[in-house]
Amino acid sequence: MSSIPTSISERLATGELIAAIAQDAANKEVLMMAWMNQEALAKTLDTKRATYWSRSRNSLWIKGETSGHFQEILSLTYDCDSDCILLQVKQVGAACHTGERSCFHREVAM
């Protein structure tokens, strides 16, 4: 895992999950948030396809594997605490499992 920064590798090596936010690289729309473990991040970097850790299934899932709504990774950055990853993606189809383009489509009245 040489291309993964040490600060993230150390967190993941303990079994910790890291939040991963997918953002449309073209228009900067936030599409979704999911979790990554060490294997998911390594596979994402290897394949350039977003791979996440499903807490409910307790397994890896490649975004779009069953729906065809893949996320091609264009860049990856991480925050100052090394506990959150931002994926700039080329989204194919809907990002949300409900069929919405973004998982963030429900607004709270202020």
PDB file of N, CA and C in Angstrom:
ATOM      1  N   MET A   1       0.831  -1.190   0.000  1.00  0.00           N
ATOM      2  CA  MET A   1       0.000   0.000   0.000  1.00  0.00           C
ATOM      3  C   MET A   1       0.870   1.246   0.000  1.00  0.00           C
ATOM      4  N   SER A   2       1.873   1.262  -0.839  1.00  0.00           N
ATOM      5  CA  SER A   2       2.850   2.337  -0.827  1.00  0.00           C
ATOM      6  C   SER A   2       2.279   3.680  -1.263  1.00  0.00           C
ATOM      7  N   SER A   3       1.231   3.699  -2.102  1.00  0.00           N
ATOM      8  CA  SER A   3       0.694   4.975  -2.559  1.00  0.00           C
ATOM      9  C   SER A   3      -0.296   5.588  -1.561  1.00  0.00           C
ATOM     10  N   ILE A   4      -0.671   4.839  -0.545  1.00  0.00           N
ATOM     11  CA  ILE A   4      -1.569   5.363   0.487  1.00  0.00           C
ATOM     12  C   ILE A   4      -0.724   6.057   1.543  1.00  0.00           C
ATOM     13  N   PRO A   5      -1.060   7.288   1.884  1.00  0.00           N
ATOM     14  CA  PRO A   5      -0.280   8.006   2.907  1.00  0.00           C
ATOM     15  C   PRO A   5      -0.203   7.210   4.209  1.00  0.00           C
ATOM     16  N   THR A   6       0.924   7.288   4.873  1.00  0.00           N
ATOM     17  CA  THR A   6       1.158   6.560   6.119  1.00  0.00           C
ATOM     18  C   THR A   6       0.083   6.853   7.148  1.00  0.00           C
ATOM     19  N   SER A   7      -0.350   8.102   7.259  1.00  0.00           N
ATOM     20  CA  SER A   7      -1.351   8.469   8.267  1.00  0.00           C
ATOM     21  C   SER A   7      -2.663   7.716   8.057  1.00  0.00           C
ATOM     22  N   ILE A   8      -3.014   7.463   6.810  1.00  0.00           N
ATOM     23  CA  ILE A   8      -4.234   6.706   6.515  1.00  0.00           C
ATOM     24  C   ILE A   8      -3.972   5.211   6.684  1.00  0.00           C
ATOM     25  N   SER A   9      -2.850   4.731   6.206  1.00  0.00           N
ATOM     26  CA  SER A   9      -2.500   3.311   6.339  1.00  0.00           C
ATOM     27  C   SER A   9      -2.522   2.867   7.797  1.00  0.00           C
ATOM     28  N   GLU A  10      -1.997   3.711   8.676  1.00  0.00           N
ATOM     29  CA  GLU A  10      -1.954   3.373  10.100  1.00  0.00           C
ATOM     30  C   GLU A  10      -3.363   3.249  10.674  1.00  0.00           C
ATOM     31  N   ARG A  11      -4.262   4.138  10.286  1.00  0.00           N
ATOM     32  CA  ARG A  11      -5.660   4.059  10.746  1.00  0.00           C
ATOM     33  C   ARG A  11      -6.316   2.783  10.239  1.00  0.00           C
ATOM     34  N   LEU A  12      -6.149   2.516   8.967  1.00  0.00           N
ATOM     35  CA  LEU A  12      -6.799   1.362   8.352  1.00  0.00           C
ATOM     36  C   LEU A  12      -6.231   0.044   8.866  1.00  0.00           C
ATOM     37  N   ALA A  13      -4.959   0.035   9.195  1.00  0.00           N
ATOM     38  CA  ALA A  13      -4.315  -1.180   9.697  1.00  0.00           C
ATOM     39  C   ALA A  13      -4.931  -1.643  11.014  1.00  0.00           C
ATOM     40  N   THR A  14      -5.521  -0.742  11.760  1.00  0.00           N
ATOM     41  CA  THR A  14      -6.160  -1.095  13.035  1.00  0.00           C
ATOM     42  C   THR A  14      -7.586  -1.604  12.826  1.00  0.00           C
ATOM     43  N   GLY A  15      -8.046  -1.614  11.586  1.00  0.00           N
ATOM     44  CA  GLY A  15      -9.412  -2.054  11.305  1.00  0.00           C
ATOM     45  C   GLY A  15     -10.407  -0.910  11.270  1.00  0.00           C
ATOM     46  N   GLU A  16      -9.915   0.298  11.480  1.00  0.00           N
ATOM     47  CA  GLU A  16     -10.787   1.468  11.453  1.00  0.00           C
ATOM     48  C   GLU A  16     -11.320   1.697  10.039  1.00  0.00           C
ATOM     49  N   LEU A  17     -12.543   2.166   9.967  1.00  0.00           N
ATOM     50  CA  LEU A  17     -13.123   2.563   8.682  1.00  0.00           C
ATOM     51  C   LEU A  17     -12.937   4.057   8.503  1.00  0.00           C
ATOM     52  N   ILE A  18     -12.774   4.470   7.261  1.00  0.00           N
ATOM     53  CA  ILE A  18     -12.618   5.886   6.937  1.00  0.00           C
ATOM     54  C   ILE A  18     -13.780   6.315   6.055  1.00  0.00           C
ATOM     55  N   ALA A  19     -14.353   7.469   6.377  1.00  0.00           N
ATOM     56  CA  ALA A  19     -15.443   8.020   5.567  1.00  0.00           C
ATOM     57  C   ALA A  19     -14.898   8.395   4.193  1.00  0.00           C
ATOM     58  N   ALA A  20     -15.667   8.086   3.165  1.00  0.00           N
ATOM     59  CA  ALA A  20     -15.286   8.416   1.792  1.00  0.00           C
ATOM     60  C   ALA A  20     -16.446   9.164   1.148  1.00  0.00           C
ATOM     61  N   ILE A  21     -16.179  10.369   0.719  1.00  0.00           N
ATOM     62  CA  ILE A  21     -17.196  11.211   0.083  1.00  0.00           C
ATOM     63  C   ILE A  21     -16.919  11.244  -1.410  1.00  0.00           C
ATOM     64  N   ALA A  22     -17.942  10.895  -2.188  1.00  0.00           N
ATOM     65  CA  ALA A  22     -17.826  10.937  -3.647  1.00  0.00           C
ATOM     66  C   ALA A  22     -18.419  12.247  -4.143  1.00  0.00           C
ATOM     67  N   GLN A  23     -17.646  12.975  -4.928  1.00  0.00           N
ATOM     68  CA  GLN A  23     -18.056  14.263  -5.469  1.00  0.00           C
ATOM     69  C   GLN A  23     -17.876  14.234  -6.984  1.00  0.00           C
ATOM     70  N   ASP A  24     -18.869  14.742  -7.697  1.00  0.00           N
ATOM     71  CA  ASP A  24     -18.771  14.819  -9.152  1.00  0.00           C
ATOM     72  C   ASP A  24     -17.630  15.765  -9.510  1.00  0.00           C
ATOM     73  N   ALA A  25     -16.673  15.276 -10.253  1.00  0.00           N
ATOM     74  CA  ALA A  25     -15.495  16.074 -10.602  1.00  0.00           C
ATOM     75  C   ALA A  25     -15.849  17.238 -11.516  1.00  0.00           C
ATOM     76  N   ALA A  26     -16.883  17.093 -12.324  1.00  0.00           N
ATOM     77  CA  ALA A  26     -17.245  18.137 -13.286  1.00  0.00           C
ATOM     78  C   ALA A  26     -17.986  19.299 -12.649  1.00  0.00           C
ATOM     79  N   ASN A  27     -19.002  19.005 -11.823  1.00  0.00           N
ATOM     80  CA  ASN A  27     -19.833  20.102 -11.290  1.00  0.00           C
ATOM     81  C   ASN A  27     -19.736  20.261  -9.773  1.00  0.00           C
ATOM     82  N   LYS A  28     -18.917  19.438  -9.117  1.00  0.00           N
ATOM     83  CA  LYS A  28     -18.640  19.499  -7.673  1.00  0.00           C
ATOM     84  C   LYS A  28     -19.830  19.111  -6.788  1.00  0.00           C
ATOM     85  N   GLU A  29     -20.872  18.520  -7.360  1.00  0.00           N
ATOM     86  CA  GLU A  29     -22.006  18.044  -6.579  1.00  0.00           C
ATOM     87  C   GLU A  29     -21.557  16.888  -5.684  1.00  0.00           C
ATOM     88  N   VAL A  30     -21.944  16.938  -4.404  1.00  0.00           N
ATOM     89  CA  VAL A  30     -21.663  15.831  -3.499  1.00  0.00           C
ATOM     90  C   VAL A  30     -22.672  14.735  -3.811  1.00  0.00           C
ATOM     91  N   LEU A  31     -22.159  13.555  -4.130  1.00  0.00           N
ATOM     92  CA  LEU A  31     -23.020  12.469  -4.584  1.00  0.00           C
ATOM     93  C   LEU A  31     -23.390  11.487  -3.480  1.00  0.00           C
ATOM     94  N   MET A  32     -22.424  11.116  -2.674  1.00  0.00           N
ATOM     95  CA  MET A  32     -22.698  10.131  -1.638  1.00  0.00           C
ATOM     96  C   MET A  32     -21.563  10.063  -0.633  1.00  0.00           C
ATOM     97  N   MET A  33     -21.825   9.379   0.463  1.00  0.00           N
ATOM     98  CA  MET A  33     -20.818   9.085   1.480  1.00  0.00           C
ATOM     99  C   MET A  33     -20.902   7.595   1.766  1.00  0.00           C
ATOM    100  N   ALA A  34     -19.765   6.953   1.877  1.00  0.00           N
ATOM    101  CA  ALA A  34     -19.710   5.543   2.223  1.00  0.00           C
ATOM    102  C   ALA A  34     -18.451   5.311   3.045  1.00  0.00           C
ATOM    103  N   TRP A  35     -18.181   4.074   3.387  1.00  0.00           N
ATOM    104  CA  TRP A  35     -17.025   3.732   4.213  1.00  0.00           C
ATOM    105  C   TRP A  35     -16.009   2.943   3.423  1.00  0.00           C
ATOM    106  N   MET A  36     -14.746   3.113   3.775  1.00  0.00           N
ATOM    107  CA  MET A  36     -13.665   2.327   3.185  1.00  0.00           C
ATOM    108  C   MET A  36     -12.833   1.714   4.298  1.00  0.00           C
ATOM    109  N   ASN A  37     -12.409   0.483   4.049  1.00  0.00           N
ATOM    110  CA  ASN A  37     -11.404  -0.133   4.890  1.00  0.00           C
ATOM    111  C   ASN A  37     -10.126  -0.231   4.052  1.00  0.00           C
ATOM    112  N   GLN A  38      -9.125  -0.875   4.582  1.00  0.00           N
ATOM    113  CA  GLN A  38      -7.834  -0.952   3.896  1.00  0.00           C
ATOM    114  C   GLN A  38      -7.974  -1.619   2.525  1.00  0.00           C
ATOM    115  N   GLU A  39      -8.700  -2.711   2.460  1.00  0.00           N
ATOM    116  CA  GLU A  39      -8.861  -3.444   1.208  1.00  0.00           C
ATOM    117  C   GLU A  39      -9.650  -2.631   0.174  1.00  0.00           C
ATOM    118  N   ALA A  40     -10.693  -1.936   0.622  1.00  0.00           N
ATOM    119  CA  ALA A  40     -11.504  -1.121  -0.294  1.00  0.00           C
ATOM    120  C   ALA A  40     -10.675   0.006  -0.901  1.00  0.00           C
ATOM    121  N   LEU A  41      -9.875   0.660  -0.075  1.00  0.00           N
ATOM    122  CA  LEU A  41      -9.042   1.746  -0.584  1.00  0.00           C
ATOM    123  C   LEU A  41      -7.988   1.224  -1.558  1.00  0.00           C
ATOM    124  N   ALA A  42      -7.361   0.111  -1.215  1.00  0.00           N
ATOM    125  CA  ALA A  42      -6.349  -0.472  -2.100  1.00  0.00           C
ATOM    126  C   ALA A  42      -6.968  -0.853  -3.449  1.00  0.00           C
ATOM    127  N   LYS A  43      -8.146  -1.456  -3.416  1.00  0.00           N
ATOM    128  CA  LYS A  43      -8.813  -1.861  -4.659  1.00  0.00           C
ATOM    129  C   LYS A  43      -9.232  -0.632  -5.471  1.00  0.00           C
ATOM    130  N   THR A  44      -9.695   0.397  -4.793  1.00  0.00           N
ATOM    131  CA  THR A  44     -10.063   1.644  -5.468  1.00  0.00           C
ATOM    132  C   THR A  44      -8.862   2.231  -6.198  1.00  0.00           C
ATOM    133  N   LEU A  45      -7.736   2.296  -5.526  1.00  0.00           N
ATOM    134  CA  LEU A  45      -6.518   2.838  -6.138  1.00  0.00           C
ATOM    135  C   LEU A  45      -6.034   1.965  -7.296  1.00  0.00           C
ATOM    136  N   ASP A  46      -6.190   0.680  -7.131  1.00  0.00           N
ATOM    137  CA  ASP A  46      -5.751  -0.285  -8.149  1.00  0.00           C
ATOM    138  C   ASP A  46      -6.594  -0.234  -9.421  1.00  0.00           C
ATOM    139  N   THR A  47      -7.908  -0.175  -9.247  1.00  0.00           N
ATOM    140  CA  THR A  47      -8.834  -0.290 -10.382  1.00  0.00           C
ATOM    141  C   THR A  47      -9.345   1.046 -10.906  1.00  0.00           C
ATOM    142  N   LYS A  48      -9.202   2.108 -10.103  1.00  0.00           N
ATOM    143  CA  LYS A  48      -9.755   3.442 -10.421  1.00  0.00           C
ATOM    144  C   LYS A  48     -11.285   3.418 -10.465  1.00  0.00           C
ATOM    145  N   ARG A  49     -11.877   2.412  -9.823  1.00  0.00           N
ATOM    146  CA  ARG A  49     -13.326   2.299  -9.647  1.00  0.00           C
ATOM    147  C   ARG A  49     -13.607   2.332  -8.153  1.00  0.00           C
ATOM    148  N   ALA A  50     -14.592   3.111  -7.733  1.00  0.00           N
ATOM    149  CA  ALA A  50     -14.893   3.237  -6.314  1.00  0.00           C
ATOM    150  C   ALA A  50     -15.315   1.893  -5.733  1.00  0.00           C
ATOM    151  N   THR A  51     -14.600   1.488  -4.698  1.00  0.00           N
ATOM    152  CA  THR A  51     -14.910   0.271  -3.961  1.00  0.00           C
ATOM    153  C   THR A  51     -15.049   0.660  -2.499  1.00  0.00           C
ATOM    154  N   TYR A  52     -16.128   0.235  -1.889  1.00  0.00           N
ATOM    155  CA  TYR A  52     -16.436   0.623  -0.517  1.00  0.00           C
ATOM    156  C   TYR A  52     -16.594  -0.610   0.367  1.00  0.00           C
ATOM    157  N   TRP A  53     -16.661  -0.365   1.682  1.00  0.00           N
ATOM    158  CA  TRP A  53     -16.941  -1.414   2.649  1.00  0.00           C
ATOM    159  C   TRP A  53     -18.386  -1.248   3.098  1.00  0.00           C
ATOM    160  N   SER A  54     -19.168  -2.293   2.916  1.00  0.00           N
ATOM    161  CA  SER A  54     -20.565  -2.275   3.350  1.00  0.00           C
ATOM    162  C   SER A  54     -20.651  -2.796   4.773  1.00  0.00           C
ATOM    163  N   ARG A  55     -21.061  -1.931   5.680  1.00  0.00           N
ATOM    164  CA  ARG A  55     -21.216  -2.350   7.071  1.00  0.00           C
ATOM    165  C   ARG A  55     -22.390  -3.306   7.225  1.00  0.00           C
ATOM    166  N   SER A  56     -23.449  -3.103   6.440  1.00  0.00           N
ATOM    167  CA  SER A  56     -24.618  -3.974   6.563  1.00  0.00           C
ATOM    168  C   SER A  56     -24.361  -5.368   5.992  1.00  0.00           C
ATOM    169  N   ARG A  57     -23.600  -5.455   4.918  1.00  0.00           N
ATOM    170  CA  ARG A  57     -23.277  -6.754   4.305  1.00  0.00           C
ATOM    171  C   ARG A  57     -21.980  -7.350   4.855  1.00  0.00           C
ATOM    172  N   ASN A  58     -21.213  -6.519   5.541  1.00  0.00           N
ATOM    173  CA  ASN A  58     -19.911  -6.929   6.068  1.00  0.00           C
ATOM    174  C   ASN A  58     -19.000  -7.459   4.953  1.00  0.00           C
ATOM    175  N   SER A  59     -18.998  -6.705   3.834  1.00  0.00           N
ATOM    176  CA  SER A  59     -18.172  -7.109   2.685  1.00  0.00           C
ATOM    177  C   SER A  59     -17.887  -5.908   1.792  1.00  0.00           C
ATOM    178  N   LEU A  60     -16.942  -6.091   0.879  1.00  0.00           N
ATOM    179  CA  LEU A  60     -16.633  -5.061  -0.113  1.00  0.00           C
ATOM    180  C   LEU A  60     -17.762  -4.965  -1.127  1.00  0.00           C
ATOM    181  N   TRP A  61     -17.959  -3.774  -1.669  1.00  0.00           N
ATOM    182  CA  TRP A  61     -18.849  -3.632  -2.823  1.00  0.00           C
ATOM    183  C   TRP A  61     -18.277  -2.597  -3.763  1.00  0.00           C
ATOM    184  N   ILE A  62     -18.270  -2.957  -5.017  1.00  0.00           N
ATOM    185  CA  ILE A  62     -17.822  -2.047  -6.060  1.00  0.00           C
ATOM    186  C   ILE A  62     -19.038  -1.262  -6.516  1.00  0.00           C
ATOM    187  N   LYS A  63     -18.969   0.051  -6.384  1.00  0.00           N
ATOM    188  CA  LYS A  63     -20.098   0.890  -6.777  1.00  0.00           C
ATOM    189  C   LYS A  63     -20.419   0.626  -8.242  1.00  0.00           C
ATOM    190  N   GLY A  64     -21.654   0.236  -8.509  1.00  0.00           N
ATOM    191  CA  GLY A  64     -22.098  -0.010  -9.867  1.00  0.00           C
ATOM    192  C   GLY A  64     -22.000  -1.451 -10.316  1.00  0.00           C
ATOM    193  N   GLU A  65     -21.471  -2.311  -9.471  1.00  0.00           N
ATOM    194  CA  GLU A  65     -21.282  -3.709  -9.855  1.00  0.00           C
ATOM    195  C   GLU A  65     -22.594  -4.377 -10.279  1.00  0.00           C
ATOM    196  N   THR A  66     -23.674  -4.070  -9.589  1.00  0.00           N
ATOM    197  CA  THR A  66     -24.966  -4.658  -9.968  1.00  0.00           C
ATOM    198  C   THR A  66     -25.846  -3.667 -10.729  1.00  0.00           C
ATOM    199  N   SER A  67     -25.720  -2.376 -10.435  1.00  0.00           N
ATOM    200  CA  SER A  67     -26.589  -1.365 -11.062  1.00  0.00           C
ATOM    201  C   SER A  67     -26.045  -0.829 -12.379  1.00  0.00           C
ATOM    202  N   GLY A  68     -24.731  -0.930 -12.574  1.00  0.00           N
ATOM    203  CA  GLY A  68     -24.110  -0.318 -13.747  1.00  0.00           C
ATOM    204  C   GLY A  68     -23.788   1.151 -13.538  1.00  0.00           C
ATOM    205  N   HIS A  69     -24.036   1.674 -12.341  1.00  0.00           N
ATOM    206  CA  HIS A  69     -23.804   3.089 -12.018  1.00  0.00           C
ATOM    207  C   HIS A  69     -22.434   3.249 -11.352  1.00  0.00           C
ATOM    208  N   PHE A  70     -21.400   3.058 -12.136  1.00  0.00           N
ATOM    209  CA  PHE A  70     -20.024   3.077 -11.642  1.00  0.00           C
ATOM    210  C   PHE A  70     -19.542   4.486 -11.312  1.00  0.00           C
ATOM    211  N   GLN A  71     -18.498   4.538 -10.510  1.00  0.00           N
ATOM    212  CA  GLN A  71     -17.792   5.777 -10.217  1.00  0.00           C
ATOM    213  C   GLN A  71     -16.338   5.589 -10.633  1.00  0.00           C
ATOM    214  N   GLU A  72     -15.957   6.291 -11.686  1.00  0.00           N
ATOM    215  CA  GLU A  72     -14.564   6.273 -12.128  1.00  0.00           C
ATOM    216  C   GLU A  72     -13.812   7.321 -11.317  1.00  0.00           C
ATOM    217  N   ILE A  73     -12.751   6.913 -10.652  1.00  0.00           N
ATOM    218  CA  ILE A  73     -11.991   7.825  -9.790  1.00  0.00           C
ATOM    219  C   ILE A  73     -11.039   8.666 -10.631  1.00  0.00           C
ATOM    220  N   LEU A  74     -11.174   9.984 -10.518  1.00  0.00           N
ATOM    221  CA  LEU A  74     -10.285  10.897 -11.223  1.00  0.00           C
ATOM    222  C   LEU A  74      -9.197  11.439 -10.301  1.00  0.00           C
ATOM    223  N   SER A  75      -9.541  11.631  -9.023  1.00  0.00           N
ATOM    224  CA  SER A  75      -8.532  12.023  -8.042  1.00  0.00           C
ATOM    225  C   SER A  75      -9.014  11.661  -6.650  1.00  0.00           C
ATOM    226  N   LEU A  76      -8.059  11.616  -5.726  1.00  0.00           N
ATOM    227  CA  LEU A  76      -8.356  11.272  -4.346  1.00  0.00           C
ATOM    228  C   LEU A  76      -7.542  12.190  -3.448  1.00  0.00           C
ATOM    229  N   THR A  77      -8.216  12.842  -2.519  1.00  0.00           N
ATOM    230  CA  THR A  77      -7.533  13.666  -1.523  1.00  0.00           C
ATOM    231  C   THR A  77      -8.046  13.245  -0.147  1.00  0.00           C
ATOM    232  N   TYR A  78      -7.353  13.683   0.877  1.00  0.00           N
ATOM    233  CA  TYR A  78      -7.795  13.346   2.227  1.00  0.00           C
ATOM    234  C   TYR A  78      -7.660  14.566   3.125  1.00  0.00           C
ATOM    235  N   ASP A  79      -8.404  14.543   4.229  1.00  0.00           N
ATOM    236  CA  ASP A  79      -8.471  15.716   5.099  1.00  0.00           C
ATOM    237  C   ASP A  79      -7.280  15.782   6.055  1.00  0.00           C
ATOM    238  N   CYS A  80      -7.227  16.870   6.807  1.00  0.00           N
ATOM    239  CA  CYS A  80      -6.099  17.163   7.689  1.00  0.00           C
ATOM    240  C   CYS A  80      -5.948  16.158   8.828  1.00  0.00           C
ATOM    241  N   ASP A  81      -7.022  15.470   9.202  1.00  0.00           N
ATOM    242  CA  ASP A  81      -6.966  14.483  10.278  1.00  0.00           C
ATOM    243  C   ASP A  81      -6.751  13.059   9.770  1.00  0.00           C
ATOM    244  N   SER A  82      -6.688  12.905   8.456  1.00  0.00           N
ATOM    245  CA  SER A  82      -6.532  11.588   7.817  1.00  0.00           C
ATOM    246  C   SER A  82      -7.649  10.622   8.191  1.00  0.00           C
ATOM    247  N   ASP A  83      -8.863  11.173   8.372  1.00  0.00           N
ATOM    248  CA  ASP A  83      -9.982  10.288   8.691  1.00  0.00           C
ATOM    249  C   ASP A  83     -11.152  10.420   7.717  1.00  0.00           C
ATOM    250  N   CYS A  84     -10.909  11.107   6.603  1.00  0.00           N
ATOM    251  CA  CYS A  84     -11.939  11.262   5.584  1.00  0.00           C
ATOM    252  C   CYS A  84     -11.270  11.425   4.219  1.00  0.00           C
ATOM    253  N   ILE A  85     -11.825  10.726   3.244  1.00  0.00           N
ATOM    254  CA  ILE A  85     -11.297  10.763   1.885  1.00  0.00           C
ATOM    255  C   ILE A  85     -12.312  11.432   0.983  1.00  0.00           C
ATOM    256  N   LEU A  86     -11.828  12.263   0.066  1.00  0.00           N
ATOM    257  CA  LEU A  86     -12.684  12.887  -0.931  1.00  0.00           C
ATOM    258  C   LEU A  86     -12.313  12.320  -2.291  1.00  0.00           C
ATOM    259  N   LEU A  87     -13.276  11.658  -2.918  1.00  0.00           N
ATOM    260  CA  LEU A  87     -13.079  11.077  -4.236  1.00  0.00           C
ATOM    261  C   LEU A  87     -13.715  11.985  -5.276  1.00  0.00           C
ATOM    262  N   GLN A  88     -12.929  12.446  -6.219  1.00  0.00           N
ATOM    263  CA  GLN A  88     -13.465  13.175  -7.372  1.00  0.00           C
ATOM    264  C   GLN A  88     -13.766  12.109  -8.411  1.00  0.00           C
ATOM    265  N   VAL A  89     -15.036  12.013  -8.809  1.00  0.00           N
ATOM    266  CA  VAL A  89     -15.447  10.901  -9.659  1.00  0.00           C
ATOM    267  C   VAL A  89     -16.144  11.364 -10.928  1.00  0.00           C
ATOM    268  N   LYS A  90     -16.108  10.488 -11.901  1.00  0.00           N
ATOM    269  CA  LYS A  90     -16.966  10.594 -13.078  1.00  0.00           C
ATOM    270  C   LYS A  90     -18.078   9.595 -12.807  1.00  0.00           C
ATOM    271  N   GLN A  91     -19.256  10.109 -12.496  1.00  0.00           N
ATOM    272  CA  GLN A  91     -20.384   9.263 -12.131  1.00  0.00           C
ATOM    273  C   GLN A  91     -21.121   8.803 -13.381  1.00  0.00           C
ATOM    274  N   VAL A  92     -21.338   7.498 -13.485  1.00  0.00           N
ATOM    275  CA  VAL A  92     -22.135   6.928 -14.567  1.00  0.00           C
ATOM    276  C   VAL A  92     -23.476   6.543 -13.967  1.00  0.00           C
ATOM    277  N   GLY A  93     -24.548   7.236 -14.357  1.00  0.00           N
ATOM    278  CA  GLY A  93     -25.869   6.948 -13.800  1.00  0.00           C
ATOM    279  C   GLY A  93     -26.052   7.569 -12.433  1.00  0.00           C
ATOM    280  N   ALA A  94     -27.006   7.041 -11.692  1.00  0.00           N
ATOM    281  CA  ALA A  94     -27.348   7.557 -10.364  1.00  0.00           C
ATOM    282  C   ALA A  94     -26.319   7.109  -9.335  1.00  0.00           C
ATOM    283  N   ALA A  95     -26.059   7.959  -8.357  1.00  0.00           N
ATOM    284  CA  ALA A  95     -25.153   7.584  -7.276  1.00  0.00           C
ATOM    285  C   ALA A  95     -25.923   6.926  -6.127  1.00  0.00           C
ATOM    286  N   CYS A  96     -27.158   7.333  -5.926  1.00  0.00           N
ATOM    287  CA  CYS A  96     -27.954   6.837  -4.804  1.00  0.00           C
ATOM    288  C   CYS A  96     -28.666   5.534  -5.169  1.00  0.00           C
ATOM    289  N   HIS A  97     -28.765   4.643  -4.204  1.00  0.00           N
ATOM    290  CA  HIS A  97     -29.449   3.366  -4.438  1.00  0.00           C
ATOM    291  C   HIS A  97     -30.946   3.542  -4.708  1.00  0.00           C
ATOM    292  N   THR A  98     -31.467   4.744  -4.409  1.00  0.00           N
ATOM    293  CA  THR A  98     -32.891   5.016  -4.666  1.00  0.00           C
ATOM    294  C   THR A  98     -33.143   5.429  -6.113  1.00  0.00           C
ATOM    295  N   GLY A  99     -32.060   5.634  -6.861  1.00  0.00           N
ATOM    296  CA  GLY A  99     -32.190   6.072  -8.248  1.00  0.00           C
ATOM    297  C   GLY A  99     -31.960   7.568  -8.426  1.00  0.00           C
ATOM    298  N   GLU A 100     -31.809   8.293  -7.326  1.00  0.00           N
ATOM    299  CA  GLU A 100     -31.511   9.725  -7.390  1.00  0.00           C
ATOM    300  C   GLU A 100     -30.053   9.915  -7.802  1.00  0.00           C
ATOM    301  N   ARG A 101     -29.777  11.023  -8.438  1.00  0.00           N
ATOM    302  CA  ARG A 101     -28.403  11.321  -8.848  1.00  0.00           C
ATOM    303  C   ARG A 101     -27.476  11.409  -7.638  1.00  0.00           C
ATOM    304  N   SER A 102     -27.940  12.047  -6.563  1.00  0.00           N
ATOM    305  CA  SER A 102     -27.169  12.215  -5.339  1.00  0.00           C
ATOM    306  C   SER A 102     -27.946  11.648  -4.159  1.00  0.00           C
ATOM    307  N   CYS A 103     -27.235  11.130  -3.184  1.00  0.00           N
ATOM    308  CA  CYS A 103     -27.879  10.676  -1.952  1.00  0.00           C
ATOM    309  C   CYS A 103     -28.374  11.861  -1.126  1.00  0.00           C
ATOM    310  N   PHE A 104     -27.862  13.043  -1.419  1.00  0.00           N
ATOM    311  CA  PHE A 104     -28.210  14.249  -0.657  1.00  0.00           C
ATOM    312  C   PHE A 104     -29.294  15.024  -1.394  1.00  0.00           C
ATOM    313  N   HIS A 105     -30.510  14.479  -1.391  1.00  0.00           N
ATOM    314  CA  HIS A 105     -31.616  15.114  -2.103  1.00  0.00           C
ATOM    315  C   HIS A 105     -32.771  15.486  -1.191  1.00  0.00           C
ATOM    316  N   ARG A 106     -32.595  15.311   0.116  1.00  0.00           N
ATOM    317  CA  ARG A 106     -33.637  15.648   1.086  1.00  0.00           C
ATOM    318  C   ARG A 106     -33.187  16.867   1.897  1.00  0.00           C
ATOM    319  N   GLU A 107     -33.918  17.943   1.739  1.00  0.00           N
ATOM    320  CA  GLU A 107     -33.545  19.188   2.401  1.00  0.00           C
ATOM    321  C   GLU A 107     -34.292  19.379   3.704  1.00  0.00           C
ATOM    322  N   VAL A 108     -33.612  19.883   4.709  1.00  0.00           N
ATOM    323  CA  VAL A 108     -34.223  20.223   5.998  1.00  0.00           C
ATOM    324  C   VAL A 108     -34.604  21.697   5.953  1.00  0.00           C
ATOM    325  N   ALA A 109     -35.853  21.989   6.287  1.00  0.00           N
ATOM    326  CA  ALA A 109     -36.308  23.377   6.329  1.00  0.00           C
ATOM    327  C   ALA A 109     -35.595  24.117   7.443  1.00  0.00           C
ATOM    328  N   MET A 110     -35.104  25.317   7.135  1.00  0.00           N
ATOM    329  CA  MET A 110     -34.367  26.118   8.111  1.00  0.00           C
ATOM    330  C   MET A 110     -35.197  27.320   8.526  1.00  0.00           C
TER     331      MET A 110
END
